[in-house]
N, C-alpha and C. Protein backbone atom coordinates (compact mmCIF):
# COMPACT_ATOMS: atom_id res chain seq x y z
N MET A 1 -35.57 65.47 147.88
CA MET A 1 -34.19 66.29 147.78
C MET A 1 -34.42 67.36 146.69
N TYR A 2 -33.25 68.39 146.94
CA TYR A 2 -33.65 69.62 145.84
C TYR A 2 -33.09 69.35 144.59
N ARG A 3 -34.01 70.13 143.69
CA ARG A 3 -33.40 69.81 141.91
C ARG A 3 -32.26 70.63 141.90
N SER A 4 -32.07 71.76 142.85
CA SER A 4 -31.05 72.53 142.37
C SER A 4 -30.46 73.55 143.43
N ILE A 5 -29.24 74.04 143.48
CA ILE A 5 -28.79 74.42 144.49
C ILE A 5 -29.51 75.81 144.83
N LEU A 6 -29.98 76.44 143.85
CA LEU A 6 -30.97 77.60 144.20
C LEU A 6 -32.11 77.07 144.95
N GLU A 7 -32.64 76.09 144.52
CA GLU A 7 -33.87 75.75 145.73
C GLU A 7 -33.25 75.08 146.80
N ALA A 8 -32.36 74.35 147.05
CA ALA A 8 -31.81 74.31 148.51
C ALA A 8 -31.48 75.69 148.90
N MET A 9 -31.15 76.38 148.72
CA MET A 9 -30.53 77.77 149.19
C MET A 9 -32.07 78.45 149.87
N TYR A 10 -32.93 78.51 148.87
CA TYR A 10 -34.34 78.93 148.82
C TYR A 10 -34.80 78.29 150.26
N TYR A 11 -35.07 76.91 150.31
CA TYR A 11 -35.57 76.26 151.35
C TYR A 11 -34.49 76.16 152.94
N GLY A 12 -33.93 76.69 152.68
CA GLY A 12 -32.79 76.85 153.99
C GLY A 12 -31.77 75.46 154.43
N SER A 13 -31.85 74.57 153.35
CA SER A 13 -30.97 73.64 153.62
C SER A 13 -29.61 74.21 153.24
N VAL A 14 -28.95 75.15 152.30
CA VAL A 14 -27.72 75.46 152.39
C VAL A 14 -27.60 76.86 152.96
N ARG A 15 -26.55 77.02 153.98
CA ARG A 15 -26.48 78.08 154.77
C ARG A 15 -25.21 78.55 154.57
N PRO A 16 -24.80 79.44 153.76
CA PRO A 16 -22.97 79.82 153.85
C PRO A 16 -22.59 80.30 154.83
N ASN A 17 -23.43 80.89 156.12
CA ASN A 17 -22.76 81.32 157.09
C ASN A 17 -22.83 80.25 157.94
N SER A 18 -22.89 79.30 157.70
CA SER A 18 -23.09 78.59 159.02
C SER A 18 -22.09 77.14 158.54
N ARG A 19 -21.32 77.01 159.67
CA ARG A 19 -20.20 75.79 159.49
C ARG A 19 -20.12 75.24 160.97
N THR A 20 -19.58 73.91 160.77
CA THR A 20 -19.71 72.99 161.99
C THR A 20 -18.18 72.53 161.89
N TYR A 21 -17.61 72.63 163.17
CA TYR A 21 -16.28 71.92 163.13
C TYR A 21 -16.24 70.74 164.61
N SER A 22 -15.63 69.88 163.89
CA SER A 22 -15.22 68.57 165.13
C SER A 22 -14.72 69.26 166.32
N GLU A 23 -14.89 68.48 167.29
CA GLU A 23 -14.50 68.98 169.00
C GLU A 23 -13.05 68.78 168.97
N ASP A 24 -12.69 68.04 167.93
CA ASP A 24 -10.66 67.65 167.92
C ASP A 24 -9.99 68.63 167.01
N SER A 25 -11.03 69.69 166.55
CA SER A 25 -10.32 70.64 165.53
C SER A 25 -9.52 71.59 166.10
N LEU A 26 -8.89 72.24 165.19
CA LEU A 26 -7.98 73.71 165.72
C LEU A 26 -8.95 74.74 166.36
N PHE A 27 -9.99 74.77 165.17
CA PHE A 27 -11.11 75.78 165.64
C PHE A 27 -11.70 75.54 167.25
N ALA A 28 -12.18 74.45 167.11
CA ALA A 28 -12.58 74.02 168.67
C ALA A 28 -11.40 74.33 169.74
N GLU A 29 -10.05 74.07 169.41
CA GLU A 29 -9.57 73.92 170.57
C GLU A 29 -9.09 75.55 170.68
N LEU A 30 -9.06 76.58 169.52
CA LEU A 30 -8.83 77.67 169.82
C LEU A 30 -10.07 78.49 170.18
N GLU A 31 -11.52 78.04 170.46
CA GLU A 31 -12.56 78.78 171.00
C GLU A 31 -12.15 78.55 172.15
N GLN A 32 -12.15 77.09 172.82
CA GLN A 32 -12.22 76.88 173.95
C GLN A 32 -10.65 77.64 174.81
N LEU A 33 -9.48 78.17 174.32
CA LEU A 33 -8.76 78.84 174.89
C LEU A 33 -9.08 80.18 174.81
N LYS A 34 -10.16 80.74 173.82
CA LYS A 34 -10.67 82.05 173.93
C LYS A 34 -11.32 82.12 175.13
N LYS A 35 -12.24 81.01 175.54
CA LYS A 35 -13.00 81.25 176.49
C LYS A 35 -12.47 81.33 177.70
N ARG A 36 -11.36 80.28 177.89
CA ARG A 36 -10.74 80.57 178.94
C ARG A 36 -10.31 81.53 179.39
N ASN A 37 -9.20 82.38 178.74
CA ASN A 37 -9.06 83.68 178.57
C ASN A 37 -9.79 84.66 178.92
N TYR A 38 -10.90 84.67 178.31
CA TYR A 38 -12.06 85.64 178.52
C TYR A 38 -12.68 85.50 180.06
N ASP A 39 -12.89 84.13 180.54
CA ASP A 39 -13.34 84.23 181.89
C ASP A 39 -11.84 84.59 182.85
N ASP A 40 -10.89 84.16 182.72
CA ASP A 40 -9.64 84.54 183.30
C ASP A 40 -9.97 85.94 183.51
N LEU A 41 -9.70 86.79 182.50
CA LEU A 41 -9.90 88.20 182.44
C LEU A 41 -11.02 88.83 182.84
N THR A 42 -12.09 88.46 182.62
CA THR A 42 -13.61 89.03 183.38
C THR A 42 -13.49 88.87 184.72
N ALA A 43 -12.79 87.79 185.45
CA ALA A 43 -12.97 87.48 186.83
C ALA A 43 -11.67 88.57 187.51
N THR A 44 -10.75 89.21 186.74
CA THR A 44 -10.03 90.20 187.44
C THR A 44 -10.66 91.69 187.45
N LEU A 45 -11.84 91.85 186.68
CA LEU A 45 -12.54 93.10 186.47
C LEU A 45 -13.22 93.49 187.36
N ASN A 46 -13.42 94.80 187.45
CA ASN A 46 -14.83 95.07 188.49
C ASN A 46 -15.81 95.42 187.67
N ASP A 47 -16.97 95.48 187.83
CA ASP A 47 -18.37 95.93 187.43
C ASP A 47 -18.24 96.75 186.31
N SER A 48 -17.62 97.90 186.40
CA SER A 48 -17.43 98.78 185.23
C SER A 48 -16.74 98.13 184.39
N GLU A 49 -15.73 97.76 184.71
CA GLU A 49 -14.55 97.52 183.65
C GLU A 49 -15.29 96.20 182.97
N LYS A 50 -15.80 95.31 183.51
CA LYS A 50 -16.65 94.18 182.67
C LYS A 50 -17.81 94.92 181.93
N GLU A 51 -18.26 95.99 182.30
CA GLU A 51 -19.46 96.25 181.32
C GLU A 51 -18.65 97.26 180.15
N THR A 52 -17.63 97.92 180.22
CA THR A 52 -16.70 98.37 179.19
C THR A 52 -16.33 97.40 178.14
N PHE A 53 -15.62 96.13 178.77
CA PHE A 53 -14.92 95.00 178.16
C PHE A 53 -15.88 94.41 177.26
N GLU A 54 -17.52 94.36 177.92
CA GLU A 54 -18.59 93.59 176.96
C GLU A 54 -19.01 94.30 175.70
N LYS A 55 -19.13 95.86 176.33
CA LYS A 55 -18.96 96.53 175.13
C LYS A 55 -17.96 96.50 173.77
N TYR A 56 -16.75 96.31 174.05
CA TYR A 56 -15.64 96.16 173.42
C TYR A 56 -16.06 94.98 172.48
N CYS A 57 -16.39 93.82 173.28
CA CYS A 57 -16.37 92.54 172.64
C CYS A 57 -17.62 92.39 171.70
N ASP A 58 -18.88 93.35 172.01
CA ASP A 58 -19.99 93.49 171.43
C ASP A 58 -19.61 94.35 169.88
N ALA A 59 -18.83 95.03 170.09
CA ALA A 59 -18.16 95.83 168.86
C ALA A 59 -17.63 94.95 168.07
N GLN A 60 -16.63 94.20 168.37
CA GLN A 60 -15.47 93.35 167.91
C GLN A 60 -16.47 92.58 167.15
N GLU A 61 -17.36 91.53 167.70
CA GLU A 61 -18.51 90.83 167.40
C GLU A 61 -19.26 91.50 165.93
N GLU A 62 -19.46 92.34 165.82
CA GLU A 62 -20.23 93.23 164.87
C GLU A 62 -19.38 93.38 163.71
N LEU A 63 -17.90 94.10 164.05
CA LEU A 63 -16.98 94.15 162.89
C LEU A 63 -16.66 92.82 162.51
N GLU A 64 -16.30 91.97 163.10
CA GLU A 64 -16.13 90.58 162.61
C GLU A 64 -17.65 90.23 161.34
N SER A 65 -18.44 89.93 162.03
CA SER A 65 -19.48 89.92 161.16
C SER A 65 -19.91 90.64 159.81
N ILE A 66 -19.65 91.90 160.14
CA ILE A 66 -19.37 92.92 158.56
C ILE A 66 -18.62 92.47 157.93
N THR A 67 -17.27 91.93 158.41
CA THR A 67 -16.18 91.63 157.81
C THR A 67 -16.61 90.14 156.99
N ARG A 68 -16.77 89.43 157.42
CA ARG A 68 -17.58 88.14 157.11
C ARG A 68 -18.23 88.19 155.96
N PHE A 69 -19.43 89.02 156.00
CA PHE A 69 -20.24 89.20 154.90
C PHE A 69 -19.67 90.19 153.72
N ASP A 70 -18.57 91.08 154.06
CA ASP A 70 -18.10 91.45 153.11
C ASP A 70 -17.35 90.50 152.04
N LEU A 71 -16.61 89.61 153.24
CA LEU A 71 -15.75 88.78 152.31
C LEU A 71 -16.56 87.87 151.25
N PHE A 72 -17.48 87.18 152.27
CA PHE A 72 -18.48 86.55 151.54
C PHE A 72 -19.11 87.09 150.00
N THR A 73 -19.65 88.32 149.95
CA THR A 73 -20.17 88.81 148.86
C THR A 73 -19.24 89.18 148.04
N TYR A 74 -17.81 89.51 148.40
CA TYR A 74 -16.84 89.72 147.57
C TYR A 74 -16.43 88.48 146.57
N ALA A 75 -16.06 87.15 147.30
CA ALA A 75 -15.71 86.23 147.09
C ALA A 75 -16.99 85.33 145.91
N LEU A 76 -18.17 85.68 146.37
CA LEU A 76 -19.19 85.44 145.31
C LEU A 76 -19.46 86.26 144.20
N LYS A 77 -19.20 87.35 144.16
CA LYS A 77 -18.75 88.48 143.11
C LYS A 77 -18.00 88.15 142.05
N PHE A 78 -16.49 87.84 142.80
CA PHE A 78 -15.63 87.18 142.07
C PHE A 78 -15.64 85.99 141.18
N GLY A 79 -16.39 85.24 142.06
CA GLY A 79 -16.86 83.88 141.25
C GLY A 79 -17.83 83.84 140.21
N ILE A 80 -18.80 84.80 140.42
CA ILE A 80 -19.70 85.07 139.16
C ILE A 80 -18.87 85.64 138.10
N LEU A 81 -17.94 86.66 138.31
CA LEU A 81 -17.20 87.26 137.34
C LEU A 81 -16.39 86.33 136.33
N LEU A 82 -15.64 85.32 137.18
CA LEU A 82 -14.95 84.52 136.38
C LEU A 82 -15.89 83.52 135.66
N MET A 83 -17.09 82.97 136.22
CA MET A 83 -18.07 82.24 135.34
C MET A 83 -18.29 83.18 134.32
N SER A 84 -18.85 84.02 134.22
CA SER A 84 -19.34 85.24 133.14
C SER A 84 -18.12 85.33 132.14
N LYS A 85 -16.86 85.32 132.60
CA LYS A 85 -15.87 85.35 131.71
C LYS A 85 -15.67 84.17 130.87
N ILE A 86 -15.83 82.85 131.51
CA ILE A 86 -15.75 81.74 130.93
C ILE A 86 -16.89 81.64 129.90
N PHE A 87 -18.23 81.95 130.09
CA PHE A 87 -19.55 82.03 129.14
C PHE A 87 -18.96 82.94 127.96
N VAL A 88 -18.51 83.90 128.31
CA VAL A 88 -18.36 85.03 127.41
C VAL A 88 -17.21 84.77 126.43
N GLY A 89 -16.39 84.16 127.01
CA GLY A 89 -15.18 83.69 126.28
C GLY A 89 -15.34 82.15 125.87
N ARG A 90 -16.37 81.53 125.85
CA ARG A 90 -16.41 80.04 125.63
C ARG A 90 -15.79 79.60 124.53
N ARG A 91 -15.84 80.41 123.34
CA ARG A 91 -15.33 79.91 121.78
C ARG A 91 -13.57 79.83 122.08
N GLU A 92 -13.15 81.00 123.31
CA GLU A 92 -11.62 80.80 123.24
C GLU A 92 -11.23 79.60 124.31
N VAL A 93 -11.90 79.21 124.90
CA VAL A 93 -11.99 78.25 125.78
C VAL A 93 -12.08 76.78 125.40
N CYS A 94 -13.75 76.37 124.52
CA CYS A 94 -13.93 75.34 124.15
C CYS A 94 -13.78 75.30 122.77
N GLY A 95 -13.22 76.27 121.91
CA GLY A 95 -12.90 76.03 120.37
C GLY A 95 -14.47 76.08 119.78
N ASP A 96 -15.46 76.32 120.29
CA ASP A 96 -16.90 76.36 119.82
C ASP A 96 -16.85 77.34 118.24
N ASP A 97 -17.87 76.97 117.62
CA ASP A 97 -17.56 78.08 116.41
C ASP A 97 -19.06 78.86 116.44
């Protein structure tokens, strides 16, 4: 077992960008709906349209990845700022002399 969260992150046991969802979750249900709609749509497209749609999907996936990373880093920085405020203002919070 790891002695700290930093050690666990270093060795890859904590991966903030990976989550799993149960098969009966809303996430899994929406993922299945998305796949069905994707399959239905691509079945109606010709090869050129499929290629254009694939490029659109790839760009959308890249945008989502950037957005997730930005949200993660913002939330992490915000949490660190909150913690630093607590440590800097410890006397105010704890009443220590």
